[in-house]
PDB file of N, CA and C in Angstrom:
ATOM      1  N   MET A   1     -81.430 -28.230  42.400  1.00  0.00           N
ATOM      2  CA  MET A   1     -82.703 -28.331  43.113  1.00  0.00           C
ATOM      3  C   MET A   1     -82.476 -29.715  44.543  1.00  0.00           C
ATOM      4  N   GLY A   2     -81.882 -31.033  44.347  1.00  0.00           N
ATOM      5  CA  GLY A   2     -81.607 -31.430  45.372  1.00  0.00           C
ATOM      6  C   GLY A   2     -80.386 -30.844  46.610  1.00  0.00           C
ATOM      7  N   ASN A   3     -79.254 -30.752  45.745  1.00  0.00           N
ATOM      8  CA  ASN A   3     -78.837 -29.243  47.393  1.00  0.00           C
ATOM      9  C   ASN A   3     -79.478 -28.277  47.509  1.00  0.00           C
ATOM     10  N   ASN A   4     -80.271 -27.861  47.370  1.00  0.00           N
ATOM     11  CA  ASN A   4     -80.988 -26.480  47.604  1.00  0.00           C
ATOM     12  C   ASN A   4     -81.712 -27.247  49.319  1.00  0.00           C
ATOM     13  N   LEU A   5     -82.725 -28.353  48.811  1.00  0.00           N
ATOM     14  CA  LEU A   5     -83.370 -29.327  50.176  1.00  0.00           C
ATOM     15  C   LEU A   5     -83.010 -29.966  50.686  1.00  0.00           C
ATOM     16  N   LYS A   6     -81.643 -30.340  50.606  1.00  0.00           N
ATOM     17  CA  LYS A   6     -80.415 -31.102  51.512  1.00  0.00           C
ATOM     18  C   LYS A   6     -79.768 -29.679  53.013  1.00  0.00           C
ATOM     19  N   TYR A   7     -79.500 -28.717  52.169  1.00  0.00           N
ATOM     20  CA  TYR A   7     -78.867 -27.605  52.679  1.00  0.00           C
ATOM     21  C   TYR A   7     -80.048 -27.396  53.596  1.00  0.00           C
ATOM     22  N   SER A   8     -81.493 -26.808  53.313  1.00  0.00           N
ATOM     23  CA  SER A   8     -82.228 -26.400  53.755  1.00  0.00           C
ATOM     24  C   SER A   8     -83.442 -27.288  54.664  1.00  0.00           C
ATOM     25  N   LEU A   9     -83.316 -28.410  54.994  1.00  0.00           N
ATOM     26  CA  LEU A   9     -83.363 -29.270  55.845  1.00  0.00           C
ATOM     27  C   LEU A   9     -82.357 -29.186  57.274  1.00  0.00           C
ATOM     28  N   PHE A  10     -81.470 -29.165  56.942  1.00  0.00           N
ATOM     29  CA  PHE A  10     -80.086 -28.868  57.751  1.00  0.00           C
ATOM     30  C   PHE A  10     -80.355 -27.546  58.100  1.00  0.00           C
ATOM     31  N   LEU A  11     -80.460 -26.462  57.349  1.00  0.00           N
ATOM     32  CA  LEU A  11     -80.276 -24.942  58.316  1.00  0.00           C
ATOM     33  C   LEU A  11     -81.843 -24.819  59.090  1.00  0.00           C
ATOM     34  N   LEU A  12     -83.002 -25.702  58.775  1.00  0.00           N
ATOM     35  CA  LEU A  12     -84.385 -25.858  59.084  1.00  0.00           C
ATOM     36  C   LEU A  12     -84.072 -26.620  60.785  1.00  0.00           C
ATOM     37  N   GLY A  13     -83.224 -27.541  60.827  1.00  0.00           N
ATOM     38  CA  GLY A  13     -83.297 -28.365  61.470  1.00  0.00           C
ATOM     39  C   GLY A  13     -81.776 -27.991  62.833  1.00  0.00           C
ATOM     40  N   LEU A  14     -81.314 -26.920  62.159  1.00  0.00           N
ATOM     41  CA  LEU A  14     -80.538 -26.328  63.269  1.00  0.00           C
ATOM     42  C   LEU A  14     -81.152 -25.117  63.805  1.00  0.00           C
ATOM     43  N   ILE A  15     -81.457 -24.786  63.016  1.00  0.00           N
ATOM     44  CA  ILE A  15     -82.475 -23.563  63.656  1.00  0.00           C
ATOM     45  C   ILE A  15     -83.390 -23.820  64.259  1.00  0.00           C
ATOM     46  N   THR A  16     -84.256 -24.704  64.560  1.00  0.00           N
ATOM     47  CA  THR A  16     -85.667 -25.195  65.138  1.00  0.00           C
ATOM     48  C   THR A  16     -85.040 -25.935  66.500  1.00  0.00           C
ATOM     49  N   THR A  17     -83.744 -26.384  66.706  1.00  0.00           N
ATOM     50  CA  THR A  17     -82.898 -27.133  67.643  1.00  0.00           C
ATOM     51  C   THR A  17     -81.940 -26.147  68.584  1.00  0.00           C
ATOM     52  N   ILE A  18     -81.830 -25.065  67.957  1.00  0.00           N
ATOM     53  CA  ILE A  18     -81.222 -24.381  68.942  1.00  0.00           C
ATOM     54  C   ILE A  18     -81.970 -23.421  69.677  1.00  0.00           C
ATOM     55  N   ILE A  19     -82.824 -22.854  68.907  1.00  0.00           N
ATOM     56  CA  ILE A  19     -83.954 -22.051  69.305  1.00  0.00           C
ATOM     57  C   ILE A  19     -84.576 -22.604  70.772  1.00  0.00           C
ATOM     58  N   PHE A  20     -85.640 -23.934  70.414  1.00  0.00           N
ATOM     59  CA  PHE A  20     -86.342 -24.669  71.028  1.00  0.00           C
ATOM     60  C   PHE A  20     -85.793 -25.383  71.908  1.00  0.00           C
ATOM     61  N   GLY A  21     -84.881 -26.474  71.788  1.00  0.00           N
ATOM     62  CA  GLY A  21     -83.979 -26.761  72.727  1.00  0.00           C
ATOM     63  C   GLY A  21     -83.420 -25.543  73.108  1.00  0.00           C
ATOM     64  N   GLY A  22     -82.526 -25.339  73.577  1.00  0.00           N
ATOM     65  CA  GLY A  22     -82.014 -23.724  73.907  1.00  0.00           C
ATOM     66  C   GLY A  22     -82.729 -23.354  75.002  1.00  0.00           C
ATOM     67  N   LEU A  23     -83.982 -23.555  74.293  1.00  0.00           N
ATOM     68  CA  LEU A  23     -84.917 -22.563  75.513  1.00  0.00           C
ATOM     69  C   LEU A  23     -85.818 -24.147  76.417  1.00  0.00           C
ATOM     70  N   PHE A  24     -85.662 -24.767  76.428  1.00  0.00           N
ATOM     71  CA  PHE A  24     -85.817 -25.855  77.489  1.00  0.00           C
ATOM     72  C   PHE A  24     -85.077 -26.171  78.035  1.00  0.00           C
ATOM     73  N   LEU A  25     -83.878 -26.247  77.474  1.00  0.00           N
ATOM     74  CA  LEU A  25     -82.662 -26.474  78.863  1.00  0.00           C
ATOM     75  C   LEU A  25     -82.102 -25.201  79.781  1.00  0.00           C
ATOM     76  N   ARG A  26     -83.059 -24.027  78.881  1.00  0.00           N
ATOM     77  CA  ARG A  26     -82.883 -23.105  79.887  1.00  0.00           C
ATOM     78  C   ARG A  26     -83.792 -22.868  80.782  1.00  0.00           C
ATOM     79  N   ARG A  27     -85.052 -22.980  80.123  1.00  0.00           N
ATOM     80  CA  ARG A  27     -86.235 -23.205  81.858  1.00  0.00           C
ATOM     81  C   ARG A  27     -85.997 -24.439  82.539  1.00  0.00           C
ATOM     82  N   LEU A  28     -85.601 -25.887  82.091  1.00  0.00           N
ATOM     83  CA  LEU A  28     -85.071 -26.708  83.027  1.00  0.00           C
ATOM     84  C   LEU A  28     -84.385 -26.682  83.817  1.00  0.00           C
ATOM     85  N   LEU A  29     -83.034 -26.302  83.406  1.00  0.00           N
ATOM     86  CA  LEU A  29     -81.607 -25.819  83.967  1.00  0.00           C
ATOM     87  C   LEU A  29     -81.603 -24.877  85.044  1.00  0.00           C
ATOM     88  N   ILE A  30     -82.870 -23.493  85.051  1.00  0.00           N
ATOM     89  CA  ILE A  30     -82.586 -22.532  85.624  1.00  0.00           C
ATOM     90  C   ILE A  30     -83.788 -22.362  86.206  1.00  0.00           C
ATOM     91  N   ASP A  31     -84.811 -22.855  85.318  1.00  0.00           N
ATOM     92  CA  ASP A  31     -86.555 -22.535  85.846  1.00  0.00           C
ATOM     93  C   ASP A  31     -86.413 -23.811  87.009  1.00  0.00           C
ATOM     94  N   GLY A  32     -86.235 -24.596  86.463  1.00  0.00           N
ATOM     95  CA  GLY A  32     -86.229 -26.439  86.483  1.00  0.00           C
ATOM     96  C   GLY A  32     -88.082 -27.025  86.330  1.00  0.00           C
ATOM     97  N   GLU A  33     -88.914 -26.328  85.184  1.00  0.00           N
ATOM     98  CA  GLU A  33     -89.606 -26.432  84.809  1.00  0.00           C
ATOM     99  C   GLU A  33     -89.546 -27.465  83.782  1.00  0.00           C
ATOM    100  N   PHE A  34     -89.908 -28.329  83.335  1.00  0.00           N
ATOM    101  CA  PHE A  34     -90.605 -29.012  81.964  1.00  0.00           C
ATOM    102  C   PHE A  34     -91.303 -28.691  81.356  1.00  0.00           C
ATOM    103  N   TYR A  35     -91.139 -28.026  80.452  1.00  0.00           N
ATOM    104  CA  TYR A  35     -91.887 -27.908  79.217  1.00  0.00           C
ATOM    105  C   TYR A  35     -92.074 -28.485  78.166  1.00  0.00           C
ATOM    106  N   ILE A  36     -93.379 -29.485  77.950  1.00  0.00           N
ATOM    107  CA  ILE A  36     -93.506 -30.952  76.872  1.00  0.00           C
ATOM    108  C   ILE A  36     -93.138 -29.768  75.612  1.00  0.00           C
ATOM    109  N   PHE A  37     -93.863 -29.303  74.979  1.00  0.00           N
ATOM    110  CA  PHE A  37     -93.889 -28.528  74.048  1.00  0.00           C
ATOM    111  C   PHE A  37     -92.742 -28.060  72.989  1.00  0.00           C
ATOM    112  N   GLU A  38     -91.782 -27.518  74.615  1.00  0.00           N
ATOM    113  CA  GLU A  38     -90.808 -27.267  73.913  1.00  0.00           C
ATOM    114  C   GLU A  38     -89.210 -28.158  73.602  1.00  0.00           C
ATOM    115  N   PHE A  39     -89.801 -29.063  74.457  1.00  0.00           N
ATOM    116  CA  PHE A  39     -88.828 -30.464  74.260  1.00  0.00           C
ATOM    117  C   PHE A  39     -89.301 -31.343  73.083  1.00  0.00           C
ATOM    118  N   ILE A  40     -90.375 -31.179  72.922  1.00  0.00           N
ATOM    119  CA  ILE A  40     -91.022 -32.236  71.575  1.00  0.00           C
ATOM    120  C   ILE A  40     -90.622 -30.870  69.898  1.00  0.00           C
ATOM    121  N   VAL A  41     -90.765 -29.985  70.242  1.00  0.00           N
ATOM    122  CA  VAL A  41     -89.980 -29.637  69.201  1.00  0.00           C
ATOM    123  C   VAL A  41     -88.260 -29.440  68.579  1.00  0.00           C
ATOM    124  N   GLY A  42     -87.346 -29.251  70.052  1.00  0.00           N
ATOM    125  CA  GLY A  42     -86.660 -29.325  69.914  1.00  0.00           C
ATOM    126  C   GLY A  42     -86.334 -31.365  69.271  1.00  0.00           C
ATOM    127  N   ILE A  43     -86.888 -31.756  69.742  1.00  0.00           N
ATOM    128  CA  ILE A  43     -86.691 -33.188  69.645  1.00  0.00           C
ATOM    129  C   ILE A  43     -86.955 -33.328  67.783  1.00  0.00           C
ATOM    130  N   ILE A  44     -88.035 -32.670  67.671  1.00  0.00           N
ATOM    131  CA  ILE A  44     -88.469 -32.925  66.332  1.00  0.00           C
ATOM    132  C   ILE A  44     -87.074 -32.139  65.542  1.00  0.00           C
ATOM    133  N   GLY A  45     -86.513 -30.984  66.378  1.00  0.00           N
ATOM    134  CA  GLY A  45     -85.387 -30.483  65.291  1.00  0.00           C
ATOM    135  C   GLY A  45     -84.066 -31.220  64.813  1.00  0.00           C
ATOM    136  N   ILE A  46     -84.224 -31.837  66.229  1.00  0.00           N
ATOM    137  CA  ILE A  46     -82.442 -32.610  65.918  1.00  0.00           C
ATOM    138  C   ILE A  46     -83.261 -33.486  65.033  1.00  0.00           C
ATOM    139  N   ILE A  47     -83.756 -34.082  64.973  1.00  0.00           N
ATOM    140  CA  ILE A  47     -84.426 -35.814  64.225  1.00  0.00           C
ATOM    141  C   ILE A  47     -84.456 -34.875  62.317  1.00  0.00           C
ATOM    142  N   ILE A  48     -85.234 -34.005  62.901  1.00  0.00           N
ATOM    143  CA  ILE A  48     -84.891 -32.904  60.839  1.00  0.00           C
ATOM    144  C   ILE A  48     -83.299 -32.698  60.699  1.00  0.00           C
ATOM    145  N   LEU A  49     -82.554 -32.199  61.446  1.00  0.00           N
ATOM    146  CA  LEU A  49     -81.200 -32.087  61.420  1.00  0.00           C
ATOM    147  C   LEU A  49     -80.258 -33.219  60.928  1.00  0.00           C
ATOM    148  N   LEU A  50     -80.316 -34.831  61.565  1.00  0.00           N
ATOM    149  CA  LEU A  50     -80.153 -36.229  61.519  1.00  0.00           C
ATOM    150  C   LEU A  50     -80.482 -36.493  60.136  1.00  0.00           C
ATOM    151  N   ILE A  51     -81.904 -35.804  59.520  1.00  0.00           N
ATOM    152  CA  ILE A  51     -82.263 -36.158  58.173  1.00  0.00           C
ATOM    153  C   ILE A  51     -81.460 -35.265  57.278  1.00  0.00           C
ATOM    154  N   GLY A  52     -80.996 -33.974  57.759  1.00  0.00           N
ATOM    155  CA  GLY A  52     -80.410 -33.236  56.427  1.00  0.00           C
ATOM    156  C   GLY A  52     -79.120 -33.870  56.492  1.00  0.00           C
ATOM    157  N   LEU A  53     -78.431 -34.241  57.337  1.00  0.00           N
ATOM    158  CA  LEU A  53     -77.206 -34.733  57.285  1.00  0.00           C
ATOM    159  C   LEU A  53     -76.893 -36.339  56.780  1.00  0.00           C
ATOM    160  N   PHE A  54     -77.930 -36.933  56.648  1.00  0.00           N
ATOM    161  CA  PHE A  54     -77.525 -37.917  56.564  1.00  0.00           C
ATOM    162  C   PHE A  54     -78.108 -37.946  54.622  1.00  0.00           C
ATOM    163  N   LYS A  55     -79.242 -36.487  54.527  1.00  0.00           N
ATOM    164  CA  LYS A  55     -79.101 -36.423  53.000  1.00  0.00           C
ATOM    165  C   LYS A  55     -77.782 -35.976  52.529  1.00  0.00           C
ATOM    166  N   LYS A  56     -77.112 -35.118  52.851  1.00  0.00           N
ATOM    167  CA  LYS A  56     -76.229 -34.380  52.422  1.00  0.00           C
ATOM    168  C   LYS A  56     -74.902 -35.475  52.533  1.00  0.00           C
ATOM    169  N   GLY A  57     -74.689 -36.557  52.732  1.00  0.00           N
ATOM    170  CA  GLY A  57     -73.583 -37.952  53.129  1.00  0.00           C
ATOM    171  C   GLY A  57     -73.929 -38.317  52.169  1.00  0.00           C
ATOM    172  N   SER A  58     -75.807 -38.695  51.630  1.00  0.00           N
ATOM    173  CA  SER A  58     -75.833 -39.860  50.674  1.00  0.00           C
ATOM    174  C   SER A  58     -75.951 -39.110  49.437  1.00  0.00           C
ATOM    175  N   MET A  59     -75.762 -37.382  49.224  1.00  0.00           N
ATOM    176  CA  MET A  59     -75.814 -37.971  48.191  1.00  0.00           C
ATOM    177  C   MET A  59     -74.495 -36.787  47.531  1.00  0.00           C
ATOM    178  N   LYS A  60     -73.267 -37.425  48.541  1.00  0.00           N
ATOM    179  CA  LYS A  60     -71.688 -37.857  47.269  1.00  0.00           C
ATOM    180  C   LYS A  60     -71.795 -38.887  46.590  1.00  0.00           C
ATOM    181  N   PRO A  61     -70.405 -38.055  45.227  1.00  0.00           N
ATOM    182  CA  PRO A  61     -70.844 -39.741  44.184  1.00  0.00           C
ATOM    183  C   PRO A  61     -69.881 -40.422  44.666  1.00  0.00           C
ATOM    184  N   GLU A  62     -68.991 -40.352  46.265  1.00  0.00           N
ATOM    185  CA  GLU A  62     -68.103 -41.693  46.178  1.00  0.00           C
ATOM    186  C   GLU A  62     -68.993 -42.837  46.782  1.00  0.00           C
ATOM    187  N   ASN A  63     -70.225 -42.178  47.706  1.00  0.00           N
ATOM    188  CA  ASN A  63     -71.001 -42.795  48.221  1.00  0.00           C
ATOM    189  C   ASN A  63     -71.949 -43.999  47.227  1.00  0.00           C
ATOM    190  N   SER A  64     -72.196 -43.635  46.152  1.00  0.00           N
ATOM    191  CA  SER A  64     -72.796 -44.147  44.948  1.00  0.00           C
ATOM    192  C   SER A  64     -72.679 -45.404  44.644  1.00  0.00           C
ATOM    193  N   PHE A  65     -73.423 -46.870  44.551  1.00  0.00           N
ATOM    194  CA  PHE A  65     -73.220 -47.971  44.981  1.00  0.00           C
ATOM    195  C   PHE A  65     -73.237 -48.540  43.312  1.00  0.00           C
ATOM    196  N   LEU A  66     -73.617 -47.412  42.187  1.00  0.00           N
ATOM    197  CA  LEU A  66     -74.296 -48.124  40.647  1.00  0.00           C
ATOM    198  C   LEU A  66     -72.455 -47.534  40.006  1.00  0.00           C
ATOM    199  N   LYS A  67     -71.277 -47.212  40.588  1.00  0.00           N
ATOM    200  CA  LYS A  67     -70.619 -46.849  39.879  1.00  0.00           C
ATOM    201  C   LYS A  67     -69.511 -48.760  38.705  1.00  0.00           C
TER     202      LYS A  67
END
């Protein structure tokens, strides 16, 4: 159960960041327009991605201090 959660968070964050972050960068660089919704959702995607990465790293047995 824990393994599926960490990969799900990672994939959700990655997909959200690619879709909304990509749209935000495209509109900002090409059209010169700043869309706050896409910016906020892109940042949320990055946060979810980082949480998934930290969960992934903290679940490894060599990082456990209970040895």
